[in-house]
Protein backbone atom coordinates (compact mmCIF):
# COMPACT_ATOMS: atom_id res chain seq x y z
CA MET A 1 0.15 0.06 0.11
CA ASN A 2 1.44 3.38 -0.94
CA GLY A 3 1.17 6.45 1.33
CA ARG A 4 -0.98 8.42 -1.19
CA LYS A 5 -4.17 9.74 0.14
CA LYS A 6 -7.47 8.65 -1.37
CA VAL A 7 -10.57 10.67 -1.52
CA THR A 8 -14.11 9.68 -2.49
CA VAL A 9 -16.56 12.71 -3.44
CA VAL A 10 -19.97 11.84 -3.23
CA GLY A 11 -22.41 13.75 -5.62
CA ALA A 12 -21.31 14.32 -9.29
CA GLY A 13 -23.41 17.46 -9.46
CA ASN A 14 -21.72 20.94 -9.98
CA VAL A 15 -20.30 21.08 -6.48
CA GLY A 16 -19.23 17.61 -6.16
CA ALA A 17 -17.42 17.62 -9.65
CA THR A 18 -15.85 21.09 -8.93
CA CYS A 19 -14.54 19.74 -5.59
CA ALA A 20 -13.04 16.51 -7.23
CA GLN A 21 -11.45 18.70 -10.07
CA GLU A 22 -9.86 21.04 -7.43
CA LEU A 23 -8.43 18.09 -5.48
CA ALA A 24 -7.14 16.49 -8.45
CA ARG A 25 -5.82 19.70 -9.91
CA ARG A 26 -3.88 20.43 -6.60
CA ASP A 27 -2.71 16.74 -6.73
CA TYR A 28 -3.86 16.43 -3.01
CA ALA A 29 -5.22 12.80 -3.43
CA ASP A 30 -6.44 10.14 -5.64
CA VAL A 31 -9.89 11.10 -6.52
CA VAL A 32 -12.90 9.03 -7.22
CA LEU A 33 -16.03 10.84 -7.94
CA VAL A 34 -19.41 8.91 -7.18
CA ASP A 35 -23.14 9.78 -8.12
CA ILE A 36 -25.07 7.75 -5.73
CA ILE A 37 -28.43 8.31 -7.34
CA PRO A 38 -29.67 4.86 -8.96
CA LYS A 39 -30.58 5.10 -12.58
CA ASP A 40 -34.12 4.00 -11.97
CA ALA A 41 -34.74 6.54 -9.27
CA ILE A 42 -37.18 9.32 -9.92
CA LYS A 43 -35.37 12.48 -9.61
CA LEU A 44 -35.52 16.21 -10.20
CA PRO A 45 -32.88 18.81 -10.17
CA VAL A 46 -32.89 21.46 -7.41
CA TYR A 47 -31.73 25.08 -8.13
CA LEU A 48 -30.64 27.79 -5.69
CA TYR A 49 -30.63 31.47 -6.03
CA GLU A 50 -28.44 33.20 -3.36
CA HIS A 51 -28.23 37.00 -3.45
CA SER A 52 -29.42 38.91 -0.15
CA GLY A 53 -31.12 35.70 0.72
CA MET A 54 -31.70 32.30 -0.57
CA THR A 55 -34.57 30.42 -2.32
CA VAL A 56 -34.72 27.09 -4.09
CA SER A 57 -36.83 25.87 -7.08
CA LEU A 58 -37.14 22.85 -9.28
CA GLU A 59 -36.68 25.26 -12.08
CA PRO A 60 -33.54 27.28 -13.02
CA PHE A 61 -33.36 30.82 -12.15
CA GLY A 62 -31.69 32.12 -15.18
CA ASP A 63 -28.92 33.98 -13.40
CA PRO A 64 -25.58 32.52 -14.19
CA TRP A 65 -23.82 34.63 -11.36
CA ASP A 66 -26.08 33.91 -8.42
CA SER A 67 -27.87 30.66 -9.13
CA GLY A 68 -27.15 27.18 -10.40
CA GLN A 69 -28.12 23.60 -9.76
CA VAL A 70 -27.06 22.43 -6.15
CA GLY A 71 -28.46 19.05 -6.11
CA TRP A 72 -31.23 16.57 -6.80
CA ILE A 73 -34.46 15.57 -5.05
CA PHE A 74 -35.05 11.79 -5.62
CA VAL A 75 -36.59 8.70 -4.45
CA THR A 76 -35.65 5.10 -5.18
CA ARG A 77 -37.82 2.92 -7.34
CA GLU A 78 -38.01 0.53 -4.41
CA LYS A 79 -39.20 3.14 -1.94
CA VAL A 80 -41.85 4.21 -4.39
CA LEU A 81 -43.26 0.79 -4.91
CA GLU A 82 -43.36 0.19 -1.09
CA GLU A 83 -44.75 3.67 -0.21
CA TYR A 84 -47.43 3.65 -2.81
CA SER A 85 -47.98 -0.23 -2.31
CA VAL A 86 -47.70 -0.79 -6.08
CA LYS A 87 -45.95 -3.35 -8.23
CA LYS A 88 -45.33 -0.92 -11.11
CA ILE A 89 -44.79 2.85 -11.39
CA THR A 90 -47.47 4.26 -13.62
CA PRO A 91 -47.65 7.71 -14.87
CA GLN A 92 -50.28 8.29 -12.30
CA VAL A 93 -47.99 7.18 -9.56
CA ARG A 94 -44.96 9.15 -11.03
CA GLU A 95 -47.17 12.36 -11.06
CA LYS A 96 -48.11 11.73 -7.16
CA VAL A 97 -44.23 11.46 -6.30
CA LEU A 98 -43.60 14.68 -8.31
CA ALA A 99 -46.38 16.42 -6.36
CA VAL A 100 -44.69 15.25 -3.17
CA PHE A 101 -41.26 16.78 -4.47
CA ARG A 102 -42.95 19.97 -5.47
CA ALA A 103 -44.48 20.20 -1.92
CA GLU A 104 -41.12 19.50 -0.12
CA ILE A 105 -39.38 22.12 -2.20
CA GLU A 106 -42.08 24.65 -1.57
CA ILE A 107 -41.60 23.86 2.33
CA TYR A 108 -37.90 24.01 2.28
CA ASP A 109 -38.02 27.29 0.09
CA ALA A 110 -40.29 28.99 2.69
CA TYR A 111 -37.77 27.89 5.40
CA LEU A 112 -34.83 29.36 3.77
CA ARG A 113 -36.79 32.71 3.21
CA GLY A 114 -37.62 32.89 6.82
CA GLU A 115 -41.41 32.29 6.23
CA VAL A 116 -42.00 29.95 9.28
CA TYR A 117 -44.74 31.06 11.85
CA GLY A 118 -46.25 30.31 14.90
CA TYR A 119 -48.61 31.71 17.58
CA ILE A 120 -49.13 31.89 21.40
CA VAL A 121 -52.47 32.64 22.95
CA ARG A 122 -51.97 34.16 26.25
CA SER A 123 -54.20 34.76 29.33
CA PRO A 124 -54.96 38.29 30.45
CA GLU A 125 -52.41 37.60 33.29
CA GLY A 126 -49.74 36.83 30.48
CA ASP A 127 -49.84 33.06 31.29
CA ASN A 128 -49.38 30.82 28.06
CA LEU A 129 -52.51 28.99 27.44
CA ASP A 130 -51.62 27.44 23.97
CA SER A 131 -49.02 27.58 21.19
CA CYS A 132 -48.20 26.03 17.97
CA TRP A 133 -45.18 26.64 15.73
CA GLY A 134 -44.08 25.31 12.36
CA PHE A 135 -46.53 26.86 9.92
CA PHE A 136 -44.43 27.19 6.61
CA GLY A 137 -45.15 29.62 3.85
CA GLU A 138 -47.93 32.23 4.09
CA SER A 139 -48.95 33.43 7.58
CA LYS A 140 -52.71 33.12 6.84
CA TYR A 141 -53.14 29.75 8.00
CA CYS A 142 -51.21 30.36 11.19
CA MET A 143 -53.46 33.27 12.01
CA GLU A 144 -56.55 31.20 11.31
CA GLU A 145 -55.45 28.46 13.67
CA GLY A 146 -54.14 30.97 16.33
CA ARG A 147 -57.63 32.61 16.25
CA ALA A 148 -59.56 29.43 16.49
CA SER A 149 -57.28 28.36 19.69
CA LEU A 150 -57.97 31.90 21.15
CA ARG A 151 -61.83 31.27 20.52
CA ALA A 152 -61.60 27.93 22.14
CA GLU A 153 -59.70 29.44 25.12
CA VAL A 154 -62.39 32.09 25.51
CA GLU A 155 -65.21 29.52 25.27
CA ASN A 156 -63.58 27.39 27.79
CA ARG A 157 -63.03 30.32 30.16
CA THR A 158 -66.83 31.44 29.68
CA GLN A 159 -68.06 27.90 30.47
CA SER A 160 -65.84 27.87 33.53
CA ASN A 161 -67.04 31.08 34.58
CA GLU A 162 -70.61 29.95 34.02
CA ILE A 163 -70.09 26.91 36.20
CA GLU A 164 -68.56 28.99 39.03
CA ARG A 165 -71.36 31.40 38.97
CA GLY A 166 -73.85 28.61 38.97
CA ARG A 167 -72.02 26.96 42.09
CA ALA A 168 -71.95 30.35 43.84
CA ALA A 169 -75.66 30.87 43.07
CA GLN A 170 -76.80 27.43 44.40
CA ALA A 171 -74.54 27.70 47.41
CA ALA A 172 -76.24 31.15 48.37
CA GLN A 173 -79.77 29.54 47.97
CA GLU A 174 -78.63 26.65 50.17
CA ASN A 175 -77.46 29.12 52.86
CA VAL A 176 -80.65 31.29 52.38
CA ALA A 177 -82.64 28.06 52.76
CA THR A 178 -80.83 26.80 55.88
CA VAL A 179 -81.08 30.29 57.91
């Protein structure tokens, strides 16, 4: 065995290929470039635009300076057959997989752009009564859920107050009856 270093670069996209090329150019090590995505996988390229923030897409941004392909979103054939309980990947199954890809990239894009929201419902005394975080994308759904939680808390408090008033009234009547 010789003392030469060996490096395996996994991922033959732009970044992986550039990294492997630079390692070889500098004669740093013997380089092996491996692309691990199986040939029969369902895959789509993922693109990144980075300029005063980041955003990702399944379509190129058309900016040669601040954007490019950064990877792939993919699923193996075996996983599709298992997840969808099918023996064959039909065009309909493939479209379902691609819809999942689009949804995943949309959520990741919202995360990168800082569009992640949550709500806290507090009592008049400032106590946290309810909260939920992890709403990605537009804040509208988060606001709707926060308002629904607030309405439920108000209703619970109203019912509790009515029960307490009922108990107080009943106790007052019992005290009057025993006098």
